Amino acid sequence: MSHLSNAAEAMAAVARTITDDQLADKTPCTEYDVRALVNHLLFWGPSLAGGGRKESVPQPAAAESDVDLAAGDWRGRLLALLDDITSSWAPPSAWEGETSMGTPHTLPASVLGDMIVGELALHGWDLAVATGQRLELPADLLAHLHHTVFAGVEQGREMGMYGPEVAVPADAPTLDRILGLTGRDPAWA
């Protein structure tokens, strides 16, 4: 199983147990409650899947906050989207060459793929802790994620993807060190 599919499955395991009454709960991403974070994933997910297929998926005219969770089965939509992202990035060719997220700006496909691994793992953790769950990620995924986050953390901060680093002991678990690098407090509750 690839790092991307492991991260997607971990997020899916969390999503399967989120209840509708938890949608208003706060998350460690200060700009998002659970509902807004699910909106964010549903809004950007098609572009993430399109990147794996090297297809340009235009962004909807509606704003991210306009995704309507009441208009159907949000959980089913999110799980289907995670499956689509996983399948689009499954072929080795998805990780070769250049691709984009529906914008004219391209990136090496491997860089975008690793960004998606991080997006799924970090937002999976956000959803898990916001709803009283634990995110389970394999050790090899965590090692890979630590390497890729560490390599791109300053660029991530410049792009507004990460907040200021949260101090975490050097001997903390790998996930805690990743969270600290991205501006998340591993002790958030």
N, C-alpha and C. Protein backbone atom coordinates (compact mmCIF):
# COMPACT_ATOMS: atom_id res chain seq x y z
N MET A 1 0.85 -1.19 0.00
CA MET A 1 0.00 0.00 0.00
C MET A 1 0.89 1.25 0.00
N SER A 2 0.52 2.25 -0.76
CA SER A 2 1.32 3.46 -0.85
C SER A 2 1.07 4.38 0.35
N HIS A 3 1.98 5.33 0.52
CA HIS A 3 1.80 6.31 1.60
C HIS A 3 0.49 7.06 1.42
N LEU A 4 0.17 7.42 0.18
CA LEU A 4 -1.07 8.15 -0.07
C LEU A 4 -2.29 7.31 0.30
N SER A 5 -2.31 6.07 -0.10
CA SER A 5 -3.47 5.24 0.22
C SER A 5 -3.57 4.98 1.72
N ASN A 6 -2.43 4.86 2.40
CA ASN A 6 -2.46 4.69 3.86
C ASN A 6 -3.02 5.93 4.54
N ALA A 7 -2.59 7.11 4.09
CA ALA A 7 -3.10 8.36 4.67
C ALA A 7 -4.60 8.51 4.40
N ALA A 8 -5.02 8.17 3.18
CA ALA A 8 -6.45 8.27 2.83
C ALA A 8 -7.27 7.29 3.66
N GLU A 9 -6.79 6.08 3.84
CA GLU A 9 -7.53 5.09 4.63
C GLU A 9 -7.61 5.50 6.10
N ALA A 10 -6.54 6.10 6.62
CA ALA A 10 -6.58 6.57 8.01
C ALA A 10 -7.62 7.67 8.18
N MET A 11 -7.67 8.60 7.20
CA MET A 11 -8.68 9.66 7.27
C MET A 11 -10.07 9.06 7.13
N ALA A 12 -10.24 8.10 6.24
CA ALA A 12 -11.55 7.47 6.04
C ALA A 12 -12.02 6.78 7.32
N ALA A 13 -11.10 6.13 8.03
CA ALA A 13 -11.48 5.47 9.28
C ALA A 13 -12.02 6.48 10.29
N VAL A 14 -11.42 7.65 10.31
CA VAL A 14 -11.90 8.72 11.20
C VAL A 14 -13.26 9.22 10.71
N ALA A 15 -13.37 9.49 9.42
CA ALA A 15 -14.61 10.06 8.86
C ALA A 15 -15.81 9.14 9.09
N ARG A 16 -15.58 7.84 9.05
CA ARG A 16 -16.68 6.88 9.22
C ARG A 16 -17.36 7.01 10.58
N THR A 17 -16.66 7.53 11.57
CA THR A 17 -17.25 7.57 12.92
C THR A 17 -17.63 8.98 13.37
N ILE A 18 -17.41 9.99 12.53
CA ILE A 18 -17.83 11.35 12.89
C ILE A 18 -19.35 11.41 12.81
N THR A 19 -19.95 11.95 13.84
CA THR A 19 -21.40 12.09 13.86
C THR A 19 -21.79 13.51 13.44
N ASP A 20 -23.01 13.66 12.95
CA ASP A 20 -23.47 14.98 12.51
C ASP A 20 -23.41 16.01 13.64
N ASP A 21 -23.63 15.57 14.89
CA ASP A 21 -23.60 16.54 15.98
C ASP A 21 -22.17 16.98 16.32
N GLN A 22 -21.15 16.37 15.71
CA GLN A 22 -19.77 16.81 15.91
C GLN A 22 -19.32 17.81 14.85
N LEU A 23 -20.14 18.10 13.85
CA LEU A 23 -19.73 18.98 12.77
C LEU A 23 -19.41 20.40 13.24
N ALA A 24 -19.97 20.84 14.35
CA ALA A 24 -19.69 22.18 14.87
C ALA A 24 -18.50 22.21 15.83
N ASP A 25 -17.90 21.05 16.11
CA ASP A 25 -16.76 21.00 17.03
C ASP A 25 -15.55 21.70 16.43
N LYS A 26 -14.77 22.35 17.29
CA LYS A 26 -13.55 23.04 16.85
C LYS A 26 -12.48 22.01 16.48
N THR A 27 -11.58 22.43 15.59
CA THR A 27 -10.43 21.60 15.22
C THR A 27 -9.14 22.37 15.55
N PRO A 28 -8.00 21.69 15.51
CA PRO A 28 -6.73 22.39 15.72
C PRO A 28 -6.43 23.42 14.64
N CYS A 29 -7.05 23.30 13.48
CA CYS A 29 -6.93 24.33 12.43
C CYS A 29 -7.88 25.44 12.83
N THR A 30 -7.34 26.52 13.35
CA THR A 30 -8.18 27.54 13.98
C THR A 30 -9.24 28.12 13.06
N GLU A 31 -9.00 28.10 11.74
CA GLU A 31 -10.00 28.66 10.83
C GLU A 31 -11.12 27.67 10.49
N TYR A 32 -11.02 26.44 10.97
CA TYR A 32 -11.99 25.41 10.62
C TYR A 32 -12.60 24.75 11.84
N ASP A 33 -13.93 24.60 11.81
CA ASP A 33 -14.54 23.61 12.69
C ASP A 33 -14.63 22.33 11.85
N VAL A 34 -15.19 21.26 12.39
CA VAL A 34 -15.24 20.00 11.66
C VAL A 34 -15.98 20.18 10.33
N ARG A 35 -17.11 20.87 10.35
CA ARG A 35 -17.90 21.11 9.13
C ARG A 35 -17.06 21.83 8.09
N ALA A 36 -16.38 22.91 8.48
CA ALA A 36 -15.58 23.69 7.53
C ALA A 36 -14.40 22.87 7.00
N LEU A 37 -13.84 22.01 7.83
CA LEU A 37 -12.73 21.18 7.37
C LEU A 37 -13.22 20.12 6.37
N VAL A 38 -14.38 19.55 6.63
CA VAL A 38 -14.97 18.62 5.65
C VAL A 38 -15.28 19.38 4.36
N ASN A 39 -15.81 20.60 4.47
CA ASN A 39 -16.05 21.44 3.29
C ASN A 39 -14.76 21.62 2.50
N HIS A 40 -13.68 21.95 3.20
CA HIS A 40 -12.38 22.16 2.57
C HIS A 40 -11.95 20.92 1.79
N LEU A 41 -12.11 19.76 2.39
CA LEU A 41 -11.72 18.51 1.74
C LEU A 41 -12.60 18.22 0.52
N LEU A 42 -13.91 18.44 0.65
CA LEU A 42 -14.82 18.20 -0.47
C LEU A 42 -14.58 19.20 -1.61
N PHE A 43 -14.21 20.41 -1.28
CA PHE A 43 -13.97 21.44 -2.28
C PHE A 43 -12.70 21.15 -3.08
N TRP A 44 -11.60 20.84 -2.39
CA TRP A 44 -10.31 20.66 -3.05
C TRP A 44 -10.08 19.24 -3.53
N GLY A 45 -10.78 18.26 -2.98
CA GLY A 45 -10.55 16.86 -3.33
C GLY A 45 -10.57 16.53 -4.81
N PRO A 46 -11.55 17.04 -5.57
CA PRO A 46 -11.55 16.73 -7.01
C PRO A 46 -10.27 17.20 -7.72
N SER A 47 -9.73 18.33 -7.30
CA SER A 47 -8.48 18.81 -7.90
C SER A 47 -7.30 17.93 -7.52
N LEU A 48 -7.31 17.42 -6.29
CA LEU A 48 -6.25 16.52 -5.85
C LEU A 48 -6.29 15.22 -6.66
N ALA A 49 -7.49 14.70 -6.89
CA ALA A 49 -7.64 13.49 -7.70
C ALA A 49 -7.25 13.79 -9.15
N GLY A 50 -7.66 14.92 -9.67
CA GLY A 50 -7.32 15.29 -11.03
C GLY A 50 -5.81 15.40 -11.24
N GLY A 51 -5.11 15.85 -10.22
CA GLY A 51 -3.65 15.94 -10.31
C GLY A 51 -3.02 14.59 -10.58
N GLY A 52 -3.54 13.54 -9.97
CA GLY A 52 -3.02 12.20 -10.18
C GLY A 52 -3.28 11.69 -11.59
N ARG A 53 -4.39 12.14 -12.17
CA ARG A 53 -4.72 11.74 -13.55
C ARG A 53 -4.16 12.70 -14.59
N LYS A 54 -3.50 13.76 -14.10
CA LYS A 54 -2.95 14.82 -14.97
C LYS A 54 -4.07 15.51 -15.73
N GLU A 55 -5.23 15.62 -15.08
CA GLU A 55 -6.39 16.31 -15.64
C GLU A 55 -6.58 17.63 -14.91
N SER A 56 -6.90 18.66 -15.63
CA SER A 56 -7.19 19.94 -15.02
C SER A 56 -8.66 19.94 -14.57
N VAL A 57 -8.87 20.01 -13.29
CA VAL A 57 -10.22 20.05 -12.74
C VAL A 57 -10.48 21.48 -12.28
N PRO A 58 -11.28 22.24 -13.01
CA PRO A 58 -11.51 23.62 -12.60
C PRO A 58 -12.22 23.70 -11.26
N GLN A 59 -11.87 24.73 -10.52
CA GLN A 59 -12.52 24.94 -9.23
C GLN A 59 -13.96 25.37 -9.45
N PRO A 60 -14.86 24.90 -8.58
CA PRO A 60 -16.25 25.33 -8.70
C PRO A 60 -16.38 26.84 -8.53
N ALA A 61 -17.42 27.40 -9.10
CA ALA A 61 -17.65 28.84 -8.97
C ALA A 61 -17.97 29.22 -7.53
N ALA A 62 -18.54 28.31 -6.78
CA ALA A 62 -18.90 28.58 -5.39
C ALA A 62 -17.65 28.61 -4.54
N ALA A 63 -17.72 29.33 -3.45
CA ALA A 63 -16.61 29.38 -2.50
C ALA A 63 -16.54 28.09 -1.71
N GLU A 64 -15.36 27.83 -1.16
CA GLU A 64 -15.15 26.63 -0.34
C GLU A 64 -16.20 26.52 0.76
N SER A 65 -16.52 27.65 1.37
CA SER A 65 -17.47 27.63 2.49
C SER A 65 -18.91 27.37 2.04
N ASP A 66 -19.15 27.38 0.73
CA ASP A 66 -20.51 27.17 0.22
C ASP A 66 -20.84 25.70 -0.04
N VAL A 67 -19.86 24.80 0.16
CA VAL A 67 -20.16 23.38 0.00
C VAL A 67 -21.22 23.03 1.04
N ASP A 68 -22.30 22.43 0.60
CA ASP A 68 -23.44 22.20 1.48
C ASP A 68 -23.45 20.77 2.01
N LEU A 69 -23.10 20.63 3.29
CA LEU A 69 -23.10 19.30 3.89
C LEU A 69 -24.50 18.77 4.11
N ALA A 70 -25.47 19.65 4.12
CA ALA A 70 -26.85 19.19 4.32
C ALA A 70 -27.45 18.63 3.03
N ALA A 71 -26.78 18.87 1.91
CA ALA A 71 -27.34 18.45 0.62
C ALA A 71 -26.94 17.02 0.28
N GLY A 72 -27.12 16.14 1.19
CA GLY A 72 -26.82 14.74 0.90
C GLY A 72 -25.91 14.13 1.92
N ASP A 73 -25.34 13.03 1.55
CA ASP A 73 -24.53 12.23 2.44
C ASP A 73 -23.08 12.72 2.40
N TRP A 74 -22.72 13.68 3.28
CA TRP A 74 -21.37 14.23 3.27
C TRP A 74 -20.32 13.14 3.52
N ARG A 75 -20.63 12.23 4.42
CA ARG A 75 -19.67 11.17 4.74
C ARG A 75 -19.42 10.28 3.51
N GLY A 76 -20.50 9.87 2.85
CA GLY A 76 -20.35 9.06 1.64
C GLY A 76 -19.60 9.80 0.55
N ARG A 77 -19.86 11.11 0.41
CA ARG A 77 -19.16 11.92 -0.58
C ARG A 77 -17.67 12.00 -0.25
N LEU A 78 -17.35 12.18 1.04
CA LEU A 78 -15.95 12.27 1.44
C LEU A 78 -15.24 10.93 1.24
N LEU A 79 -15.87 9.84 1.61
CA LEU A 79 -15.26 8.52 1.44
C LEU A 79 -15.05 8.20 -0.05
N ALA A 80 -16.02 8.55 -0.89
CA ALA A 80 -15.87 8.33 -2.33
C ALA A 80 -14.74 9.19 -2.89
N LEU A 81 -14.63 10.40 -2.40
CA LEU A 81 -13.56 11.29 -2.84
C LEU A 81 -12.20 10.75 -2.43
N LEU A 82 -12.09 10.24 -1.22
CA LEU A 82 -10.82 9.64 -0.78
C LEU A 82 -10.46 8.44 -1.65
N ASP A 83 -11.45 7.64 -2.02
CA ASP A 83 -11.22 6.52 -2.93
C ASP A 83 -10.74 7.02 -4.29
N ASP A 84 -11.35 8.10 -4.78
CA ASP A 84 -10.97 8.65 -6.08
C ASP A 84 -9.55 9.20 -6.05
N ILE A 85 -9.20 9.90 -4.98
CA ILE A 85 -7.83 10.42 -4.85
C ILE A 85 -6.85 9.24 -4.84
N THR A 86 -7.15 8.21 -4.06
CA THR A 86 -6.26 7.05 -3.97
C THR A 86 -6.11 6.37 -5.33
N SER A 87 -7.21 6.13 -6.02
CA SER A 87 -7.11 5.43 -7.30
C SER A 87 -6.42 6.28 -8.37
N SER A 88 -6.60 7.59 -8.32
CA SER A 88 -5.97 8.44 -9.33
C SER A 88 -4.45 8.50 -9.17
N TRP A 89 -3.97 8.32 -7.94
CA TRP A 89 -2.53 8.35 -7.68
C TRP A 89 -1.92 6.95 -7.60
N ALA A 90 -2.70 5.90 -7.83
CA ALA A 90 -2.20 4.53 -7.72
C ALA A 90 -1.21 4.15 -8.82
N PRO A 91 -1.42 4.53 -10.08
CA PRO A 91 -0.47 4.13 -11.12
C PRO A 91 0.88 4.84 -10.92
N PRO A 92 1.99 4.15 -11.14
CA PRO A 92 3.30 4.80 -11.03
C PRO A 92 3.41 6.05 -11.93
N SER A 93 2.71 6.05 -13.06
CA SER A 93 2.77 7.20 -13.97
C SER A 93 2.20 8.47 -13.35
N ALA A 94 1.34 8.33 -12.34
CA ALA A 94 0.78 9.52 -11.68
C ALA A 94 1.88 10.33 -11.00
N TRP A 95 2.93 9.67 -10.58
CA TRP A 95 4.01 10.30 -9.82
C TRP A 95 5.14 10.81 -10.72
N GLU A 96 4.96 10.68 -12.04
CA GLU A 96 5.99 11.08 -12.99
C GLU A 96 5.58 12.38 -13.69
N GLY A 97 6.57 13.12 -14.13
CA GLY A 97 6.32 14.34 -14.89
C GLY A 97 5.79 15.48 -14.02
N GLU A 98 5.00 16.33 -14.66
CA GLU A 98 4.43 17.52 -14.02
C GLU A 98 2.92 17.37 -13.94
N THR A 99 2.33 18.04 -12.97
CA THR A 99 0.87 18.06 -12.84
C THR A 99 0.47 19.30 -12.05
N SER A 100 -0.83 19.48 -11.89
CA SER A 100 -1.31 20.65 -11.15
C SER A 100 -2.61 20.30 -10.42
N MET A 101 -3.10 21.28 -9.70
CA MET A 101 -4.39 21.13 -9.01
C MET A 101 -5.44 22.00 -9.71
N GLY A 102 -5.43 21.98 -11.03
CA GLY A 102 -6.43 22.73 -11.78
C GLY A 102 -6.06 24.17 -12.02
N THR A 103 -4.80 24.52 -11.74
CA THR A 103 -4.33 25.88 -12.00
C THR A 103 -3.30 25.82 -13.12
N PRO A 104 -2.92 26.96 -13.67
CA PRO A 104 -1.88 26.94 -14.71
C PRO A 104 -0.49 26.61 -14.16
N HIS A 105 -0.32 26.68 -12.85
CA HIS A 105 0.98 26.41 -12.23
C HIS A 105 1.15 24.92 -12.02
N THR A 106 2.24 24.38 -12.56
CA THR A 106 2.50 22.96 -12.41
C THR A 106 3.62 22.74 -11.40
N LEU A 107 3.64 21.54 -10.88
CA LEU A 107 4.68 21.07 -9.95
C LEU A 107 5.11 19.69 -10.41
N PRO A 108 6.30 19.27 -10.00
CA PRO A 108 6.60 17.86 -10.21
C PRO A 108 5.51 17.02 -9.54
N ALA A 109 5.05 16.00 -10.24
CA ALA A 109 3.96 15.17 -9.72
C ALA A 109 4.31 14.57 -8.37
N SER A 110 5.57 14.18 -8.18
CA SER A 110 5.96 13.58 -6.90
C SER A 110 5.84 14.59 -5.76
N VAL A 111 6.11 15.86 -6.03
CA VAL A 111 5.97 16.91 -5.00
C VAL A 111 4.50 17.09 -4.65
N LEU A 112 3.64 17.20 -5.68
CA LEU A 112 2.21 17.35 -5.41
C LEU A 112 1.66 16.12 -4.69
N GLY A 113 2.07 14.93 -5.12
CA GLY A 113 1.62 13.71 -4.45
C GLY A 113 1.99 13.70 -2.98
N ASP A 114 3.23 14.11 -2.67
CA ASP A 114 3.64 14.16 -1.26
C ASP A 114 2.89 15.24 -0.49
N MET A 115 2.56 16.34 -1.16
CA MET A 115 1.75 17.37 -0.50
C MET A 115 0.38 16.80 -0.13
N ILE A 116 -0.17 15.97 -1.01
CA ILE A 116 -1.49 15.37 -0.75
C ILE A 116 -1.39 14.37 0.39
N VAL A 117 -0.31 13.60 0.45
CA VAL A 117 -0.10 12.70 1.59
C VAL A 117 -0.14 13.51 2.89
N GLY A 118 0.57 14.62 2.91
CA GLY A 118 0.58 15.48 4.09
C GLY A 118 -0.79 16.06 4.40
N GLU A 119 -1.48 16.51 3.37
CA GLU A 119 -2.82 17.08 3.55
C GLU A 119 -3.76 16.06 4.19
N LEU A 120 -3.74 14.83 3.68
CA LEU A 120 -4.63 13.80 4.21
C LEU A 120 -4.25 13.40 5.63
N ALA A 121 -2.96 13.25 5.88
CA ALA A 121 -2.51 12.84 7.21
C ALA A 121 -2.78 13.94 8.24
N LEU A 122 -2.41 15.17 7.92
CA LEU A 122 -2.58 16.26 8.89
C LEU A 122 -4.05 16.58 9.13
N HIS A 123 -4.83 16.68 8.05
CA HIS A 123 -6.25 16.96 8.26
C HIS A 123 -6.97 15.74 8.85
N GLY A 124 -6.46 14.55 8.58
CA GLY A 124 -7.00 13.36 9.26
C GLY A 124 -6.79 13.47 10.76
N TRP A 125 -5.60 13.92 11.16
CA TRP A 125 -5.33 14.13 12.59
C TRP A 125 -6.23 15.22 13.15
N ASP A 126 -6.38 16.33 12.40
CA ASP A 126 -7.26 17.42 12.85
C ASP A 126 -8.67 16.89 13.14
N LEU A 127 -9.21 16.12 12.20
CA LEU A 127 -10.56 15.57 12.39
C LEU A 127 -10.60 14.58 13.54
N ALA A 128 -9.56 13.77 13.66
CA ALA A 128 -9.53 12.77 14.73
C ALA A 128 -9.55 13.42 16.10
N VAL A 129 -8.63 14.35 16.35
CA VAL A 129 -8.58 14.93 17.70
C VAL A 129 -9.80 15.80 17.98
N ALA A 130 -10.36 16.42 16.94
CA ALA A 130 -11.55 17.26 17.13
C ALA A 130 -12.75 16.42 17.55
N THR A 131 -12.76 15.15 17.17
CA THR A 131 -13.91 14.29 17.46
C THR A 131 -13.58 13.17 18.44
N GLY A 132 -12.50 13.33 19.19
CA GLY A 132 -12.16 12.38 20.24
C GLY A 132 -11.65 11.04 19.74
N GLN A 133 -11.00 11.03 18.58
CA GLN A 133 -10.48 9.79 18.02
C GLN A 133 -8.96 9.83 17.96
N ARG A 134 -8.40 8.72 17.55
CA ARG A 134 -6.95 8.62 17.37
C ARG A 134 -6.69 8.25 15.90
N LEU A 135 -5.78 8.98 15.27
CA LEU A 135 -5.40 8.69 13.89
C LEU A 135 -4.29 7.66 13.90
N GLU A 136 -4.49 6.57 13.18
CA GLU A 136 -3.49 5.50 13.11
C GLU A 136 -2.76 5.58 11.78
N LEU A 137 -1.46 5.87 11.85
CA LEU A 137 -0.63 5.95 10.64
C LEU A 137 0.56 5.01 10.80
N PRO A 138 0.89 4.25 9.76
CA PRO A 138 2.03 3.32 9.83
C PRO A 138 3.35 4.06 10.01
N ALA A 139 4.32 3.40 10.63
CA ALA A 139 5.62 4.00 10.91
C ALA A 139 6.34 4.45 9.64
N ASP A 140 6.24 3.67 8.55
CA ASP A 140 6.94 4.07 7.33
C ASP A 140 6.32 5.32 6.71
N LEU A 141 5.01 5.47 6.83
CA LEU A 141 4.35 6.69 6.36
C LEU A 141 4.81 7.88 7.20
N LEU A 142 4.86 7.71 8.51
CA LEU A 142 5.30 8.81 9.38
C LEU A 142 6.74 9.22 9.08
N ALA A 143 7.62 8.25 8.85
CA ALA A 143 9.01 8.57 8.52
C ALA A 143 9.08 9.35 7.21
N HIS A 144 8.34 8.91 6.21
CA HIS A 144 8.30 9.59 4.92
C HIS A 144 7.73 11.01 5.08
N LEU A 145 6.66 11.12 5.80
CA LEU A 145 6.01 12.41 6.00
C LEU A 145 6.92 13.37 6.76
N HIS A 146 7.63 12.88 7.78
CA HIS A 146 8.54 13.74 8.53
C HIS A 146 9.61 14.29 7.59
N HIS A 147 10.14 13.42 6.74
CA HIS A 147 11.18 13.85 5.79
C HIS A 147 10.63 14.92 4.84
N THR A 148 9.46 14.67 4.24
CA THR A 148 8.94 15.62 3.25
C THR A 148 8.47 16.92 3.90
N VAL A 149 7.87 16.85 5.08
CA VAL A 149 7.45 18.07 5.76
C VAL A 149 8.67 18.89 6.16
N PHE A 150 9.68 18.22 6.74
CA PHE A 150 10.89 18.92 7.16
C PHE A 150 11.55 19.62 5.97
N ALA A 151 11.60 18.93 4.83
CA ALA A 151 12.24 19.50 3.64
C ALA A 151 11.49 20.72 3.11
N GLY A 152 10.19 20.78 3.26
CA GLY A 152 9.41 21.87 2.68
C GLY A 152 8.72 22.78 3.68
N VAL A 153 9.13 22.71 4.95
CA VAL A 153 8.38 23.44 5.97
C VAL A 153 8.44 24.96 5.78
N GLU A 154 9.58 25.49 5.41
CA GLU A 154 9.68 26.94 5.25
C GLU A 154 8.83 27.41 4.07
N GLN A 155 8.86 26.68 2.98
CA GLN A 155 8.01 27.02 1.84
C GLN A 155 6.54 26.91 2.23
N GLY A 156 6.20 25.89 3.01
CA GLY A 156 4.82 25.73 3.49
C GLY A 156 4.37 26.90 4.34
N ARG A 157 5.27 27.41 5.18
CA ARG A 157 4.92 28.58 5.99
C ARG A 157 4.73 29.81 5.11
N GLU A 158 5.62 29.98 4.13
CA GLU A 158 5.51 31.13 3.22
C GLU A 158 4.19 31.09 2.45
N MET A 159 3.72 29.89 2.13
CA MET A 159 2.46 29.74 1.39
C MET A 159 1.24 29.80 2.31
N GLY A 160 1.45 29.91 3.62
CA GLY A 160 0.35 29.96 4.57
C GLY A 160 -0.25 28.61 4.90
N MET A 161 0.43 27.52 4.50
CA MET A 161 -0.08 26.18 4.78
C MET A 161 0.20 25.77 6.22
N TYR A 162 1.30 26.28 6.79
CA TYR A 162 1.71 25.91 8.14
C TYR A 162 1.83 27.15 9.00
N GLY A 163 1.54 26.98 10.27
CA GLY A 163 1.71 28.05 11.24
C GLY A 163 3.12 28.02 11.80
N PRO A 164 3.39 28.93 12.74
CA PRO A 164 4.70 28.93 13.39
C PRO A 164 4.94 27.59 14.11
N GLU A 165 6.18 27.16 14.12
CA GLU A 165 6.52 25.87 14.72
C GLU A 165 6.15 25.85 16.20
N VAL A 166 5.59 24.73 16.63
CA VAL A 166 5.29 24.49 18.04
C VAL A 166 6.42 23.62 18.57
N ALA A 167 7.06 24.06 19.66
CA ALA A 167 8.18 23.31 20.24
C ALA A 167 7.71 21.95 20.72
N VAL A 168 8.43 20.93 20.27
CA VAL A 168 8.15 19.54 20.63
C VAL A 168 9.49 18.90 21.00
N PRO A 169 9.56 18.10 22.06
CA PRO A 169 10.84 17.47 22.42
C PRO A 169 11.40 16.64 21.25
N ALA A 170 12.72 16.64 21.13
CA ALA A 170 13.38 15.91 20.04
C ALA A 170 13.10 14.41 20.09
N ASP A 171 12.80 13.89 21.26
CA ASP A 171 12.53 12.45 21.38
C ASP A 171 11.03 12.14 21.38
N ALA A 172 10.21 13.13 20.99
CA ALA A 172 8.76 12.91 20.92
C ALA A 172 8.45 11.94 19.78
N PRO A 173 7.28 11.31 19.82
CA PRO A 173 6.90 10.44 18.69
C PRO A 173 6.95 11.21 17.37
N THR A 174 7.18 10.48 16.29
CA THR A 174 7.33 11.11 14.97
C THR A 174 6.11 11.96 14.61
N LEU A 175 4.91 11.47 14.87
CA LEU A 175 3.72 12.26 14.55
C LEU A 175 3.73 13.58 15.30
N ASP A 176 4.10 13.57 16.56
CA ASP A 176 4.15 14.81 17.33
C ASP A 176 5.16 15.79 16.74
N ARG A 177 6.30 15.29 16.29
CA ARG A 177 7.31 16.17 15.68
C ARG A 177 6.80 16.76 14.37
N ILE A 178 6.07 15.95 13.59
CA ILE A 178 5.47 16.46 12.34
C ILE A 178 4.45 17.55 12.66
N LEU A 179 3.60 17.27 13.64
CA LEU A 179 2.58 18.25 14.03
C LEU A 179 3.22 19.55 14.47
N GLY A 180 4.25 19.48 15.30
CA GLY A 180 4.94 20.68 15.76
C GLY A 180 5.54 21.47 14.60
N LEU A 181 6.15 20.77 13.65
CA LEU A 181 6.72 21.45 12.48
C LEU A 181 5.66 22.23 11.71
N THR A 182 4.46 21.68 11.64
CA THR A 182 3.41 22.33 10.85
C THR A 182 2.60 23.35 11.64
N GLY A 183 3.03 23.62 12.88
CA GLY A 183 2.34 24.62 13.68
C GLY A 183 1.18 24.09 14.49
N ARG A 184 1.09 22.77 14.63
CA ARG A 184 0.03 22.17 15.42
C ARG A 184 0.59 21.74 16.76
N ASP A 185 -0.23 21.87 17.78
CA ASP A 185 0.17 21.44 19.12
C ASP A 185 -0.30 20.01 19.30
N PRO A 186 0.65 19.05 19.44
CA PRO A 186 0.25 17.65 19.58
C PRO A 186 -0.64 17.38 20.81
N ALA A 187 -0.61 18.31 21.78
CA ALA A 187 -1.42 18.14 23.00
C ALA A 187 -2.77 18.84 22.88
N TRP A 188 -3.12 19.32 21.68
CA TRP A 188 -4.36 20.06 21.49
C TRP A 188 -5.54 19.23 21.96
N ALA A 189 -6.44 19.87 22.66
CA ALA A 189 -7.67 19.18 23.09
C ALA A 189 -8.79 20.21 23.13
